[in-house]
């Protein structure tokens, strides 16, 4: 199986890259729940994707600010702030609002990466804007930003096994080894998706990566 725990340890040990310069122009937000018990759960797909981006960039997301763990990098010539909110999923908007207001980042430069149970495991949907789709983290962001025009990357984590299965139990369940094998290339590709979106090529990102 793909050892996500080994990936996380590798990230923690990797030296930071060169210090970014200039104002923060873009926020890249991975959604999830803090704490070891949630690390490899379906609801933490956003955290896992952002962690893989940081690993590839040689940066750490470990600075505490905006009710989040933060890290910075230069992507496509722009200074990007990565956020992993520490508020738990239902209050994710607090971190996003605080960081956006502090850095004066408009909503169309806030990229949110999160899990989607309507997509098969490993499916990807990139969108310019939209509703919350029943996702509590997105619901919080929409409410506190007062806007829906922020781009997002939705990562499929699979539908409930049957209609009566409790939704909270499903999204807080751990990925299987088979799930992680399917998701590993998606996490590897996330940095390219982010780079294209940050550089204004969201249509190209959609054409290349949107699939079930």
C-alpha atoms as a PDB file:
ATOM      1  CA  UNK A   1       0.000   0.000   0.000  1.00  0.00           C
ATOM      2  CA  UNK A   2       0.981   3.644  -0.308  1.00  0.00           C
ATOM      3  CA  UNK A   3       2.378   4.679   3.070  1.00  0.00           C
ATOM      4  CA  UNK A   4       0.825   8.086   3.651  1.00  0.00           C
ATOM      5  CA  UNK A   5       2.311   8.137   7.148  1.00  0.00           C
ATOM      6  CA  UNK A   6       5.792   7.883   5.603  1.00  0.00           C
ATOM      7  CA  UNK A   7       4.890  10.774   3.278  1.00  0.00           C
ATOM      8  CA  UNK A   8       3.865  12.885   6.277  1.00  0.00           C
ATOM      9  CA  UNK A   9       7.087  12.100   8.153  1.00  0.00           C
ATOM     10  CA  UNK A  10       9.112  12.915   5.049  1.00  0.00           C
ATOM     11  CA  UNK A  11       7.378  16.275   4.811  1.00  0.00           C
ATOM     12  CA  UNK A  12       8.130  17.080   8.448  1.00  0.00           C
ATOM     13  CA  UNK A  13      11.851  16.412   7.909  1.00  0.00           C
ATOM     14  CA  UNK A  14      12.260  18.147   4.559  1.00  0.00           C
ATOM     15  CA  UNK A  15      14.201  21.455   4.695  1.00  0.00           C
ATOM     16  CA  UNK A  16      12.348  24.624   3.850  1.00  0.00           C
ATOM     17  CA  UNK A  17      12.861  26.211   0.449  1.00  0.00           C
ATOM     18  CA  UNK A  18      13.926  29.760  -0.321  1.00  0.00           C
ATOM     19  CA  UNK A  19      11.950  32.433   1.512  1.00  0.00           C
ATOM     20  CA  UNK A  20       9.093  33.865  -0.603  1.00  0.00           C
ATOM     21  CA  UNK A  21       9.147  37.592  -1.307  1.00  0.00           C
ATOM     22  CA  UNK A  22       6.543  40.267  -2.010  1.00  0.00           C
ATOM     23  CA  UNK A  23       2.929  40.412  -0.841  1.00  0.00           C
ATOM     24  CA  UNK A  24       0.812  37.282  -0.508  1.00  0.00           C
ATOM     25  CA  UNK A  25      -1.234  37.116  -3.705  1.00  0.00           C
ATOM     26  CA  UNK A  26      -2.990  33.779  -3.380  1.00  0.00           C
ATOM     27  CA  UNK A  27      -4.340  31.534  -0.626  1.00  0.00           C
ATOM     28  CA  UNK A  28      -4.325  27.765  -1.099  1.00  0.00           C
ATOM     29  CA  UNK A  29      -6.491  26.175   1.569  1.00  0.00           C
ATOM     30  CA  UNK A  30      -6.640  22.457   2.302  1.00  0.00           C
ATOM     31  CA  UNK A  31      -9.654  21.439   4.379  1.00  0.00           C
ATOM     32  CA  UNK A  32      -9.599  18.799   7.103  1.00  0.00           C
ATOM     33  CA  UNK A  33      -9.674  18.174  10.821  1.00  0.00           C
ATOM     34  CA  UNK A  34      -6.588  18.632  13.021  1.00  0.00           C
ATOM     35  CA  UNK A  35      -5.109  15.829  15.092  1.00  0.00           C
ATOM     36  CA  UNK A  36      -3.537  12.452  14.480  1.00  0.00           C
ATOM     37  CA  UNK A  37      -6.817  10.529  14.717  1.00  0.00           C
ATOM     38  CA  UNK A  38      -8.062  12.284  11.567  1.00  0.00           C
ATOM     39  CA  UNK A  39      -4.885  12.233   9.470  1.00  0.00           C
ATOM     40  CA  UNK A  40      -5.856   9.575   6.937  1.00  0.00           C
ATOM     41  CA  UNK A  41      -9.633  10.012   6.955  1.00  0.00           C
ATOM     42  CA  UNK A  42     -11.735  10.876   3.929  1.00  0.00           C
ATOM     43  CA  UNK A  43     -12.568  14.336   5.266  1.00  0.00           C
ATOM     44  CA  UNK A  44      -8.828  15.136   5.337  1.00  0.00           C
ATOM     45  CA  UNK A  45      -8.193  14.747   1.612  1.00  0.00           C
ATOM     46  CA  UNK A  46      -7.580  18.508   1.411  1.00  0.00           C
ATOM     47  CA  UNK A  47      -4.915  18.376   4.114  1.00  0.00           C
ATOM     48  CA  UNK A  48      -3.215  15.424   2.405  1.00  0.00           C
ATOM     49  CA  UNK A  49      -3.197  17.187  -0.976  1.00  0.00           C
ATOM     50  CA  UNK A  50      -1.737  20.392   0.458  1.00  0.00           C
ATOM     51  CA  UNK A  51       0.886  18.416   2.376  1.00  0.00           C
ATOM     52  CA  UNK A  52       1.979  16.772  -0.878  1.00  0.00           C
ATOM     53  CA  UNK A  53       2.273  20.192  -2.542  1.00  0.00           C
ATOM     54  CA  UNK A  54       4.462  21.386   0.329  1.00  0.00           C
ATOM     55  CA  UNK A  55       6.641  18.298   0.071  1.00  0.00           C
ATOM     56  CA  UNK A  56       7.232  18.888  -3.633  1.00  0.00           C
ATOM     57  CA  UNK A  57       8.008  22.576  -3.028  1.00  0.00           C
ATOM     58  CA  UNK A  58      10.360  21.851  -0.105  1.00  0.00           C
ATOM     59  CA  UNK A  59       8.383  23.996   2.329  1.00  0.00           C
ATOM     60  CA  UNK A  60       6.749  23.301   5.671  1.00  0.00           C
ATOM     61  CA  UNK A  61       3.208  24.100   6.734  1.00  0.00           C
ATOM     62  CA  UNK A  62       3.912  24.484  10.419  1.00  0.00           C
ATOM     63  CA  UNK A  63       3.586  28.160  11.360  1.00  0.00           C
ATOM     64  CA  UNK A  64       0.579  28.916  13.570  1.00  0.00           C
ATOM     65  CA  UNK A  65      -1.447  31.910  12.398  1.00  0.00           C
ATOM     66  CA  UNK A  66      -5.022  32.660  11.299  1.00  0.00           C
ATOM     67  CA  UNK A  67      -6.297  29.698  13.357  1.00  0.00           C
ATOM     68  CA  UNK A  68      -4.302  27.517  10.983  1.00  0.00           C
ATOM     69  CA  UNK A  69      -1.024  25.877  10.229  1.00  0.00           C
ATOM     70  CA  UNK A  70       0.560  28.010   7.513  1.00  0.00           C
ATOM     71  CA  UNK A  71       3.409  27.857   5.055  1.00  0.00           C
ATOM     72  CA  UNK A  72       4.507  30.000   2.125  1.00  0.00           C
ATOM     73  CA  UNK A  73       5.981  29.333  -1.308  1.00  0.00           C
ATOM     74  CA  UNK A  74       6.520  31.008  -4.634  1.00  0.00           C
ATOM     75  CA  UNK A  75       4.305  29.472  -7.328  1.00  0.00           C
ATOM     76  CA  UNK A  76       4.205  30.825 -10.889  1.00  0.00           C
ATOM     77  CA  UNK A  77       6.016  33.928  -9.654  1.00  0.00           C
ATOM     78  CA  UNK A  78       3.426  34.640  -6.981  1.00  0.00           C
ATOM     79  CA  UNK A  79       3.735  34.419  -3.226  1.00  0.00           C
ATOM     80  CA  UNK A  80       1.252  31.803  -2.059  1.00  0.00           C
ATOM     81  CA  UNK A  81       0.091  31.164   1.497  1.00  0.00           C
ATOM     82  CA  UNK A  82      -0.914  27.581   2.279  1.00  0.00           C
ATOM     83  CA  UNK A  83      -3.473  27.128   5.042  1.00  0.00           C
ATOM     84  CA  UNK A  84      -4.589  24.064   6.983  1.00  0.00           C
ATOM     85  CA  UNK A  85      -7.321  25.396   9.309  1.00  0.00           C
ATOM     86  CA  UNK A  86      -7.112  24.158  12.908  1.00  0.00           C
ATOM     87  CA  UNK A  87     -10.729  25.054  13.669  1.00  0.00           C
ATOM     88  CA  UNK A  88     -12.199  21.674  12.690  1.00  0.00           C
ATOM     89  CA  UNK A  89     -14.087  21.375   9.447  1.00  0.00           C
ATOM     90  CA  UNK A  90     -17.343  23.127  10.357  1.00  0.00           C
ATOM     91  CA  UNK A  91     -15.546  26.404  11.178  1.00  0.00           C
ATOM     92  CA  UNK A  92     -13.039  26.453   8.309  1.00  0.00           C
ATOM     93  CA  UNK A  93     -14.320  29.830   7.145  1.00  0.00           C
ATOM     94  CA  UNK A  94     -12.862  31.591  10.190  1.00  0.00           C
ATOM     95  CA  UNK A  95      -9.303  30.828   9.097  1.00  0.00           C
ATOM     96  CA  UNK A  96      -9.972  31.674   5.461  1.00  0.00           C
ATOM     97  CA  UNK A  97     -11.681  34.970   6.288  1.00  0.00           C
ATOM     98  CA  UNK A  98      -8.952  36.053   8.710  1.00  0.00           C
ATOM     99  CA  UNK A  99      -6.108  35.295   6.294  1.00  0.00           C
ATOM    100  CA  UNK A 100      -7.892  36.873   3.330  1.00  0.00           C
ATOM    101  CA  UNK A 101      -8.669  40.053   5.230  1.00  0.00           C
ATOM    102  CA  UNK A 102      -5.149  40.370   6.637  1.00  0.00           C
ATOM    103  CA  UNK A 103      -3.448  39.913   3.258  1.00  0.00           C
ATOM    104  CA  UNK A 104      -6.207  41.654   1.262  1.00  0.00           C
ATOM    105  CA  UNK A 105      -6.618  38.648  -1.016  1.00  0.00           C
ATOM    106  CA  UNK A 106      -9.821  38.735  -3.118  1.00  0.00           C
ATOM    107  CA  UNK A 107     -12.091  35.694  -3.152  1.00  0.00           C
ATOM    108  CA  UNK A 108     -11.173  34.692  -6.700  1.00  0.00           C
ATOM    109  CA  UNK A 109      -7.615  34.143  -5.472  1.00  0.00           C
ATOM    110  CA  UNK A 110      -8.612  31.772  -2.682  1.00  0.00           C
ATOM    111  CA  UNK A 111      -8.215  28.191  -3.874  1.00  0.00           C
ATOM    112  CA  UNK A 112      -9.866  25.589  -1.630  1.00  0.00           C
ATOM    113  CA  UNK A 113      -9.025  21.870  -1.850  1.00  0.00           C
ATOM    114  CA  UNK A 114     -11.411  19.426  -0.206  1.00  0.00           C
ATOM    115  CA  UNK A 115     -13.100  16.022  -0.247  1.00  0.00           C
ATOM    116  CA  UNK A 116     -16.191  15.214  -2.290  1.00  0.00           C
ATOM    117  CA  UNK A 117     -18.339  12.156  -1.573  1.00  0.00           C
ATOM    118  CA  UNK A 118     -20.259  12.514  -4.846  1.00  0.00           C
ATOM    119  CA  UNK A 119     -17.115  11.565  -6.808  1.00  0.00           C
ATOM    120  CA  UNK A 120     -15.539   8.139  -7.013  1.00  0.00           C
ATOM    121  CA  UNK A 121     -12.278   7.731  -5.104  1.00  0.00           C
ATOM    122  CA  UNK A 122      -9.608   9.593  -7.075  1.00  0.00           C
ATOM    123  CA  UNK A 123     -12.064  11.606  -9.147  1.00  0.00           C
ATOM    124  CA  UNK A 124     -11.297  15.318  -9.554  1.00  0.00           C
ATOM    125  CA  UNK A 125     -13.492  18.337 -10.202  1.00  0.00           C
ATOM    126  CA  UNK A 126     -12.012  21.805 -10.587  1.00  0.00           C
ATOM    127  CA  UNK A 127     -14.513  24.658 -10.463  1.00  0.00           C
ATOM    128  CA  UNK A 128     -14.329  28.455 -10.565  1.00  0.00           C
ATOM    129  CA  UNK A 129     -17.213  28.904  -8.108  1.00  0.00           C
ATOM    130  CA  UNK A 130     -20.296  27.173  -6.784  1.00  0.00           C
ATOM    131  CA  UNK A 131     -22.498  26.160  -3.889  1.00  0.00           C
ATOM    132  CA  UNK A 132     -21.435  24.235  -0.800  1.00  0.00           C
ATOM    133  CA  UNK A 133     -22.795  20.952  -2.170  1.00  0.00           C
ATOM    134  CA  UNK A 134     -23.570  19.866   1.381  1.00  0.00           C
ATOM    135  CA  UNK A 135     -19.943  20.208   2.509  1.00  0.00           C
ATOM    136  CA  UNK A 136     -19.780  21.887   5.921  1.00  0.00           C
ATOM    137  CA  UNK A 137     -16.308  23.327   5.425  1.00  0.00           C
ATOM    138  CA  UNK A 138     -17.358  25.048   2.200  1.00  0.00           C
ATOM    139  CA  UNK A 139     -20.606  26.138   3.837  1.00  0.00           C
ATOM    140  CA  UNK A 140     -18.589  27.931   6.533  1.00  0.00           C
ATOM    141  CA  UNK A 141     -16.337  29.624   3.970  1.00  0.00           C
ATOM    142  CA  UNK A 142     -19.292  30.781   1.872  1.00  0.00           C
ATOM    143  CA  UNK A 143     -21.034  32.186   4.940  1.00  0.00           C
ATOM    144  CA  UNK A 144     -18.048  34.113   6.299  1.00  0.00           C
ATOM    145  CA  UNK A 145     -16.718  35.370   2.963  1.00  0.00           C
ATOM    146  CA  UNK A 146     -20.195  36.237   1.733  1.00  0.00           C
ATOM    147  CA  UNK A 147     -19.133  35.102  -1.753  1.00  0.00           C
ATOM    148  CA  UNK A 148     -19.065  31.903  -3.776  1.00  0.00           C
ATOM    149  CA  UNK A 149     -16.596  32.949  -6.481  1.00  0.00           C
ATOM    150  CA  UNK A 150     -13.524  31.189  -5.112  1.00  0.00           C
ATOM    151  CA  UNK A 151     -11.970  28.372  -7.170  1.00  0.00           C
ATOM    152  CA  UNK A 152     -11.897  24.909  -5.740  1.00  0.00           C
ATOM    153  CA  UNK A 153     -10.399  21.473  -6.330  1.00  0.00           C
ATOM    154  CA  UNK A 154     -12.717  18.670  -5.253  1.00  0.00           C
ATOM    155  CA  UNK A 155     -11.104  15.286  -4.648  1.00  0.00           C
ATOM    156  CA  UNK A 156     -13.338  12.251  -4.799  1.00  0.00           C
ATOM    157  CA  UNK A 157     -13.387  10.091  -1.674  1.00  0.00           C
ATOM    158  CA  UNK A 158     -16.231   7.786  -2.675  1.00  0.00           C
ATOM    159  CA  UNK A 159     -19.941   7.550  -2.007  1.00  0.00           C
ATOM    160  CA  UNK A 160     -21.435   6.090   1.156  1.00  0.00           C
ATOM    161  CA  UNK A 161     -21.540   2.276   1.005  1.00  0.00           C
ATOM    162  CA  UNK A 162     -25.348   2.404   1.236  1.00  0.00           C
ATOM    163  CA  UNK A 163     -27.945   5.188   1.683  1.00  0.00           C
ATOM    164  CA  UNK A 164     -28.523   4.493   5.381  1.00  0.00           C
ATOM    165  CA  UNK A 165     -24.840   4.784   6.252  1.00  0.00           C
ATOM    166  CA  UNK A 166     -24.237   7.760   8.560  1.00  0.00           C
ATOM    167  CA  UNK A 167     -22.563  10.570   6.621  1.00  0.00           C
ATOM    168  CA  UNK A 168     -20.363  11.704   9.513  1.00  0.00           C
ATOM    169  CA  UNK A 169     -19.167   8.148  10.078  1.00  0.00           C
ATOM    170  CA  UNK A 170     -18.332   7.820   6.392  1.00  0.00           C
ATOM    171  CA  UNK A 171     -16.302  11.015   5.971  1.00  0.00           C
ATOM    172  CA  UNK A 172     -14.459  10.344   9.242  1.00  0.00           C
ATOM    173  CA  UNK A 173     -13.606   6.789   8.210  1.00  0.00           C
ATOM    174  CA  UNK A 174     -10.048   5.998   7.184  1.00  0.00           C
ATOM    175  CA  UNK A 175      -8.982   5.420   3.610  1.00  0.00           C
ATOM    176  CA  UNK A 176      -8.293   1.816   2.706  1.00  0.00           C
ATOM    177  CA  UNK A 177      -4.952   0.783   1.212  1.00  0.00           C
ATOM    178  CA  UNK A 178      -6.699   0.462  -2.170  1.00  0.00           C
ATOM    179  CA  UNK A 179      -8.117   4.000  -1.832  1.00  0.00           C
ATOM    180  CA  UNK A 180      -4.645   5.383  -1.124  1.00  0.00           C
ATOM    181  CA  UNK A 181      -3.166   3.655  -4.156  1.00  0.00           C
ATOM    182  CA  UNK A 182      -5.784   5.396  -6.307  1.00  0.00           C
ATOM    183  CA  UNK A 183      -5.378   8.758  -4.549  1.00  0.00           C
ATOM    184  CA  UNK A 184      -1.587   8.864  -4.527  1.00  0.00           C
ATOM    185  CA  UNK A 185      -1.255  10.069  -8.160  1.00  0.00           C
ATOM    186  CA  UNK A 186      -4.029  12.608  -7.521  1.00  0.00           C
ATOM    187  CA  UNK A 187      -2.072  14.047  -4.600  1.00  0.00           C
ATOM    188  CA  UNK A 188       1.051  14.032  -6.774  1.00  0.00           C
ATOM    189  CA  UNK A 189      -0.792  16.016  -9.466  1.00  0.00           C
ATOM    190  CA  UNK A 190      -2.265  18.561  -7.072  1.00  0.00           C
ATOM    191  CA  UNK A 191       0.723  20.913  -7.281  1.00  0.00           C
ATOM    192  CA  UNK A 192       0.351  21.087 -11.067  1.00  0.00           C
ATOM    193  CA  UNK A 193      -3.364  21.861 -10.653  1.00  0.00           C
ATOM    194  CA  UNK A 194      -2.527  24.577  -8.120  1.00  0.00           C
ATOM    195  CA  UNK A 195       0.206  26.023 -10.348  1.00  0.00           C
ATOM    196  CA  UNK A 196      -2.113  26.257 -13.321  1.00  0.00           C
ATOM    197  CA  UNK A 197      -4.852  27.922 -11.282  1.00  0.00           C
ATOM    198  CA  UNK A 198      -2.469  30.382  -9.602  1.00  0.00           C
ATOM    199  CA  UNK A 199      -1.063  31.304 -13.029  1.00  0.00           C
ATOM    200  CA  UNK A 200      -4.541  31.991 -14.422  1.00  0.00           C
ATOM    201  CA  UNK A 201      -4.882  28.771 -16.435  1.00  0.00           C
ATOM    202  CA  UNK A 202      -7.910  27.293 -14.701  1.00  0.00           C
ATOM    203  CA  UNK A 203      -9.511  26.257 -18.013  1.00  0.00           C
ATOM    204  CA  UNK A 204      -6.417  24.227 -18.879  1.00  0.00           C
ATOM    205  CA  UNK A 205      -6.505  22.669 -15.407  1.00  0.00           C
ATOM    206  CA  UNK A 206     -10.159  21.718 -15.853  1.00  0.00           C
ATOM    207  CA  UNK A 207      -9.550  20.203 -19.296  1.00  0.00           C
ATOM    208  CA  UNK A 208      -6.584  18.185 -18.068  1.00  0.00           C
ATOM    209  CA  UNK A 209      -7.777  16.959 -14.689  1.00  0.00           C
ATOM    210  CA  UNK A 210     -11.572  16.940 -14.431  1.00  0.00           C
ATOM    211  CA  UNK A 211     -12.683  13.319 -14.442  1.00  0.00           C
ATOM    212  CA  UNK A 212     -14.741  10.857 -12.441  1.00  0.00           C
END
